[in-house]
Amino acid sequence: MKKTLLRMEQILIRILRLKEEICLQPKPILQEEEVWLDKYEVTALLRISASSFYRKLKIGKWAEKEIAGRKYYLKSSIIKP
């Protein structure tokens, strides 16, 4: 029983040291977060109708991804600085 408790204590100490190391590591500086918009948010942002949205979607080279059957568009690819 005593050996088991000592072993558990060693494991817990090791876990705490690892957590401290993780917390002390410098965090990377993040760039601006990617913002993904669905078609309703894009139409509201650009103040355009649904038909204009589809026309601009054909012409523009917007980055898009699909999640669970819904398409999302990268805001920075829609609005270019």
N, C-alpha and C. Protein backbone atom coordinates (compact mmCIF):
# COMPACT_ATOMS: atom_id res chain seq x y z
N MET A 1 0.83 -1.20 0.00
CA MET A 1 0.00 0.00 0.00
C MET A 1 0.87 1.26 0.00
N LYS A 2 1.91 1.24 0.82
CA LYS A 2 2.79 2.40 0.92
C LYS A 2 3.52 2.64 -0.41
N LYS A 3 3.94 1.54 -1.07
CA LYS A 3 4.61 1.67 -2.36
C LYS A 3 3.67 2.25 -3.41
N THR A 4 2.42 1.83 -3.35
CA THR A 4 1.43 2.34 -4.31
C THR A 4 1.23 3.84 -4.13
N LEU A 5 1.13 4.27 -2.89
CA LEU A 5 0.95 5.69 -2.62
C LEU A 5 2.18 6.50 -3.04
N LEU A 6 3.36 5.97 -2.81
CA LEU A 6 4.58 6.66 -3.23
C LEU A 6 4.63 6.77 -4.76
N ARG A 7 4.26 5.70 -5.42
CA ARG A 7 4.24 5.71 -6.89
C ARG A 7 3.24 6.74 -7.42
N MET A 8 2.06 6.79 -6.82
CA MET A 8 1.05 7.78 -7.23
C MET A 8 1.56 9.20 -7.01
N GLU A 9 2.25 9.41 -5.88
CA GLU A 9 2.81 10.73 -5.60
C GLU A 9 3.84 11.13 -6.66
N GLN A 10 4.68 10.19 -7.06
CA GLN A 10 5.68 10.47 -8.09
C GLN A 10 5.01 10.83 -9.42
N ILE A 11 3.97 10.10 -9.75
CA ILE A 11 3.25 10.37 -11.01
C ILE A 11 2.62 11.76 -10.96
N LEU A 12 2.00 12.09 -9.83
CA LEU A 12 1.37 13.41 -9.70
C LEU A 12 2.40 14.53 -9.78
N ILE A 13 3.55 14.33 -9.16
CA ILE A 13 4.61 15.34 -9.23
C ILE A 13 5.08 15.52 -10.67
N ARG A 14 5.22 14.43 -11.39
CA ARG A 14 5.63 14.50 -12.79
C ARG A 14 4.59 15.25 -13.64
N ILE A 15 3.33 14.97 -13.38
CA ILE A 15 2.26 15.65 -14.12
C ILE A 15 2.29 17.14 -13.83
N LEU A 16 2.46 17.52 -12.58
CA LEU A 16 2.51 18.94 -12.23
C LEU A 16 3.70 19.64 -12.89
N ARG A 17 4.84 18.98 -12.94
CA ARG A 17 6.01 19.57 -13.60
C ARG A 17 5.75 19.79 -15.08
N LEU A 18 5.13 18.79 -15.73
CA LEU A 18 4.81 18.95 -17.15
C LEU A 18 3.85 20.10 -17.38
N LYS A 19 2.85 20.23 -16.51
CA LYS A 19 1.90 21.35 -16.64
C LYS A 19 2.60 22.69 -16.48
N GLU A 20 3.51 22.77 -15.53
CA GLU A 20 4.26 24.01 -15.32
C GLU A 20 5.10 24.35 -16.54
N GLU A 21 5.74 23.34 -17.13
CA GLU A 21 6.54 23.58 -18.33
C GLU A 21 5.68 24.09 -19.47
N ILE A 22 4.51 23.52 -19.62
CA ILE A 22 3.60 23.95 -20.68
C ILE A 22 3.17 25.40 -20.45
N CYS A 23 2.86 25.73 -19.21
CA CYS A 23 2.42 27.10 -18.90
C CYS A 23 3.53 28.12 -19.08
N LEU A 24 4.76 27.71 -18.84
CA LEU A 24 5.88 28.64 -18.93
C LEU A 24 6.41 28.82 -20.35
N GLN A 25 5.99 27.97 -21.28
CA GLN A 25 6.45 28.10 -22.66
C GLN A 25 5.90 29.39 -23.26
N PRO A 26 6.72 30.10 -24.04
CA PRO A 26 6.21 31.33 -24.66
C PRO A 26 5.11 31.00 -25.67
N LYS A 27 4.08 31.80 -25.64
CA LYS A 27 2.96 31.58 -26.55
C LYS A 27 3.24 32.30 -27.86
N PRO A 28 2.95 31.66 -28.99
CA PRO A 28 3.20 32.32 -30.27
C PRO A 28 2.27 33.52 -30.46
N ILE A 29 2.80 34.53 -31.13
CA ILE A 29 1.99 35.71 -31.43
C ILE A 29 1.05 35.35 -32.57
N LEU A 30 -0.22 35.50 -32.30
CA LEU A 30 -1.22 35.12 -33.29
C LEU A 30 -1.48 36.25 -34.27
N GLN A 31 -1.60 35.86 -35.50
CA GLN A 31 -2.03 36.81 -36.52
C GLN A 31 -3.52 37.06 -36.31
N GLU A 32 -4.07 37.94 -37.08
CA GLU A 32 -5.51 38.19 -37.00
C GLU A 32 -6.23 36.88 -37.29
N GLU A 33 -7.22 36.59 -36.48
CA GLU A 33 -7.95 35.35 -36.65
C GLU A 33 -8.71 35.34 -37.97
N GLU A 34 -8.81 34.16 -38.53
CA GLU A 34 -9.58 34.01 -39.76
C GLU A 34 -11.05 34.09 -39.40
N VAL A 35 -11.78 34.86 -40.16
CA VAL A 35 -13.22 34.99 -39.93
C VAL A 35 -13.93 34.39 -41.13
N TRP A 36 -14.77 33.40 -40.86
CA TRP A 36 -15.52 32.74 -41.92
C TRP A 36 -16.98 33.15 -41.81
N LEU A 37 -17.56 33.51 -42.95
CA LEU A 37 -18.93 34.00 -42.99
C LEU A 37 -19.79 33.08 -43.87
N ASP A 38 -21.06 32.93 -43.49
CA ASP A 38 -21.96 32.20 -44.38
C ASP A 38 -22.57 33.18 -45.37
N LYS A 39 -23.39 32.68 -46.28
CA LYS A 39 -23.88 33.56 -47.35
C LYS A 39 -24.75 34.68 -46.81
N TYR A 40 -25.46 34.45 -45.71
CA TYR A 40 -26.31 35.50 -45.15
C TYR A 40 -25.46 36.62 -44.56
N GLU A 41 -24.39 36.25 -43.92
CA GLU A 41 -23.50 37.27 -43.35
C GLU A 41 -22.77 38.04 -44.45
N VAL A 42 -22.42 37.37 -45.53
CA VAL A 42 -21.75 38.03 -46.65
C VAL A 42 -22.70 39.04 -47.30
N THR A 43 -23.95 38.62 -47.53
CA THR A 43 -24.90 39.54 -48.16
C THR A 43 -25.16 40.75 -47.27
N ALA A 44 -25.20 40.54 -45.95
CA ALA A 44 -25.41 41.67 -45.03
C ALA A 44 -24.17 42.57 -45.00
N LEU A 45 -22.99 41.98 -45.03
CA LEU A 45 -21.76 42.75 -44.99
C LEU A 45 -21.60 43.61 -46.25
N LEU A 46 -21.86 43.02 -47.41
CA LEU A 46 -21.71 43.75 -48.67
C LEU A 46 -22.96 44.53 -49.06
N ARG A 47 -24.03 44.33 -48.32
CA ARG A 47 -25.33 44.97 -48.60
C ARG A 47 -25.77 44.69 -50.03
N ILE A 48 -25.86 43.39 -50.34
CA ILE A 48 -26.28 42.96 -51.67
C ILE A 48 -27.39 41.92 -51.54
N SER A 49 -28.08 41.68 -52.65
CA SER A 49 -29.14 40.68 -52.65
C SER A 49 -28.55 39.29 -52.86
N ALA A 50 -29.39 38.27 -52.75
CA ALA A 50 -28.95 36.89 -52.92
C ALA A 50 -28.47 36.65 -54.35
N SER A 51 -29.16 37.22 -55.33
CA SER A 51 -28.74 37.02 -56.72
C SER A 51 -27.39 37.68 -57.00
N SER A 52 -27.17 38.86 -56.41
CA SER A 52 -25.87 39.52 -56.55
C SER A 52 -24.77 38.70 -55.87
N PHE A 53 -25.12 38.08 -54.77
CA PHE A 53 -24.16 37.24 -54.06
C PHE A 53 -23.68 36.11 -54.97
N TYR A 54 -24.61 35.40 -55.60
CA TYR A 54 -24.22 34.28 -56.46
C TYR A 54 -23.43 34.75 -57.69
N ARG A 55 -23.78 35.93 -58.22
CA ARG A 55 -23.04 36.48 -59.35
C ARG A 55 -21.61 36.81 -58.94
N LYS A 56 -21.45 37.45 -57.77
CA LYS A 56 -20.10 37.78 -57.28
C LYS A 56 -19.33 36.52 -56.90
N LEU A 57 -20.03 35.49 -56.45
CA LEU A 57 -19.37 34.24 -56.09
C LEU A 57 -18.75 33.59 -57.32
N LYS A 58 -19.43 33.65 -58.46
CA LYS A 58 -18.89 33.08 -59.70
C LYS A 58 -17.65 33.85 -60.16
N ILE A 59 -17.72 35.18 -60.09
CA ILE A 59 -16.65 36.03 -60.59
C ILE A 59 -15.46 36.07 -59.63
N GLY A 60 -15.75 36.26 -58.35
CA GLY A 60 -14.69 36.42 -57.36
C GLY A 60 -13.99 35.12 -57.04
N LYS A 61 -12.80 35.24 -56.52
CA LYS A 61 -12.04 34.07 -56.11
C LYS A 61 -12.04 34.04 -54.59
N TRP A 62 -13.18 33.72 -54.03
CA TRP A 62 -13.33 33.70 -52.59
C TRP A 62 -12.91 32.34 -52.05
N ALA A 63 -12.14 32.37 -50.98
CA ALA A 63 -11.79 31.12 -50.31
C ALA A 63 -13.03 30.60 -49.62
N GLU A 64 -13.31 29.33 -49.82
CA GLU A 64 -14.49 28.77 -49.18
C GLU A 64 -14.21 27.40 -48.60
N LYS A 65 -15.00 27.06 -47.60
CA LYS A 65 -14.91 25.72 -47.02
C LYS A 65 -16.34 25.29 -46.69
N GLU A 66 -16.51 23.98 -46.63
CA GLU A 66 -17.83 23.44 -46.37
C GLU A 66 -17.78 22.65 -45.07
N ILE A 67 -18.72 22.97 -44.19
CA ILE A 67 -18.82 22.27 -42.92
C ILE A 67 -20.28 21.83 -42.76
N ALA A 68 -20.47 20.55 -42.64
CA ALA A 68 -21.80 19.97 -42.44
C ALA A 68 -22.78 20.44 -43.51
N GLY A 69 -22.33 20.51 -44.74
CA GLY A 69 -23.21 20.88 -45.84
C GLY A 69 -23.42 22.37 -46.03
N ARG A 70 -22.84 23.20 -45.18
CA ARG A 70 -22.97 24.66 -45.31
C ARG A 70 -21.65 25.23 -45.77
N LYS A 71 -21.71 26.17 -46.68
CA LYS A 71 -20.49 26.80 -47.20
C LYS A 71 -20.21 28.08 -46.43
N TYR A 72 -18.92 28.28 -46.17
CA TYR A 72 -18.46 29.48 -45.49
C TYR A 72 -17.36 30.11 -46.33
N TYR A 73 -17.28 31.45 -46.27
CA TYR A 73 -16.35 32.19 -47.10
C TYR A 73 -15.44 33.03 -46.20
N LEU A 74 -14.17 33.04 -46.55
CA LEU A 74 -13.18 33.76 -45.76
C LEU A 74 -13.37 35.26 -45.97
N LYS A 75 -13.55 35.98 -44.88
CA LYS A 75 -13.84 37.42 -44.94
C LYS A 75 -12.71 38.18 -45.64
N SER A 76 -11.47 37.80 -45.36
CA SER A 76 -10.35 38.54 -45.97
C SER A 76 -10.28 38.32 -47.48
N SER A 77 -10.86 37.23 -48.00
CA SER A 77 -10.85 37.03 -49.44
C SER A 77 -12.00 37.80 -50.11
N ILE A 78 -13.00 38.15 -49.35
CA ILE A 78 -14.13 38.91 -49.89
C ILE A 78 -13.81 40.41 -49.90
N ILE A 79 -13.30 40.88 -48.75
CA ILE A 79 -12.96 42.30 -48.62
C ILE A 79 -11.45 42.40 -48.66
N LYS A 80 -10.93 42.87 -49.76
CA LYS A 80 -9.48 43.01 -49.90
C LYS A 80 -9.06 44.42 -49.51
N PRO A 81 -8.05 44.50 -48.63
CA PRO A 81 -7.62 45.83 -48.18
C PRO A 81 -6.98 46.65 -49.28
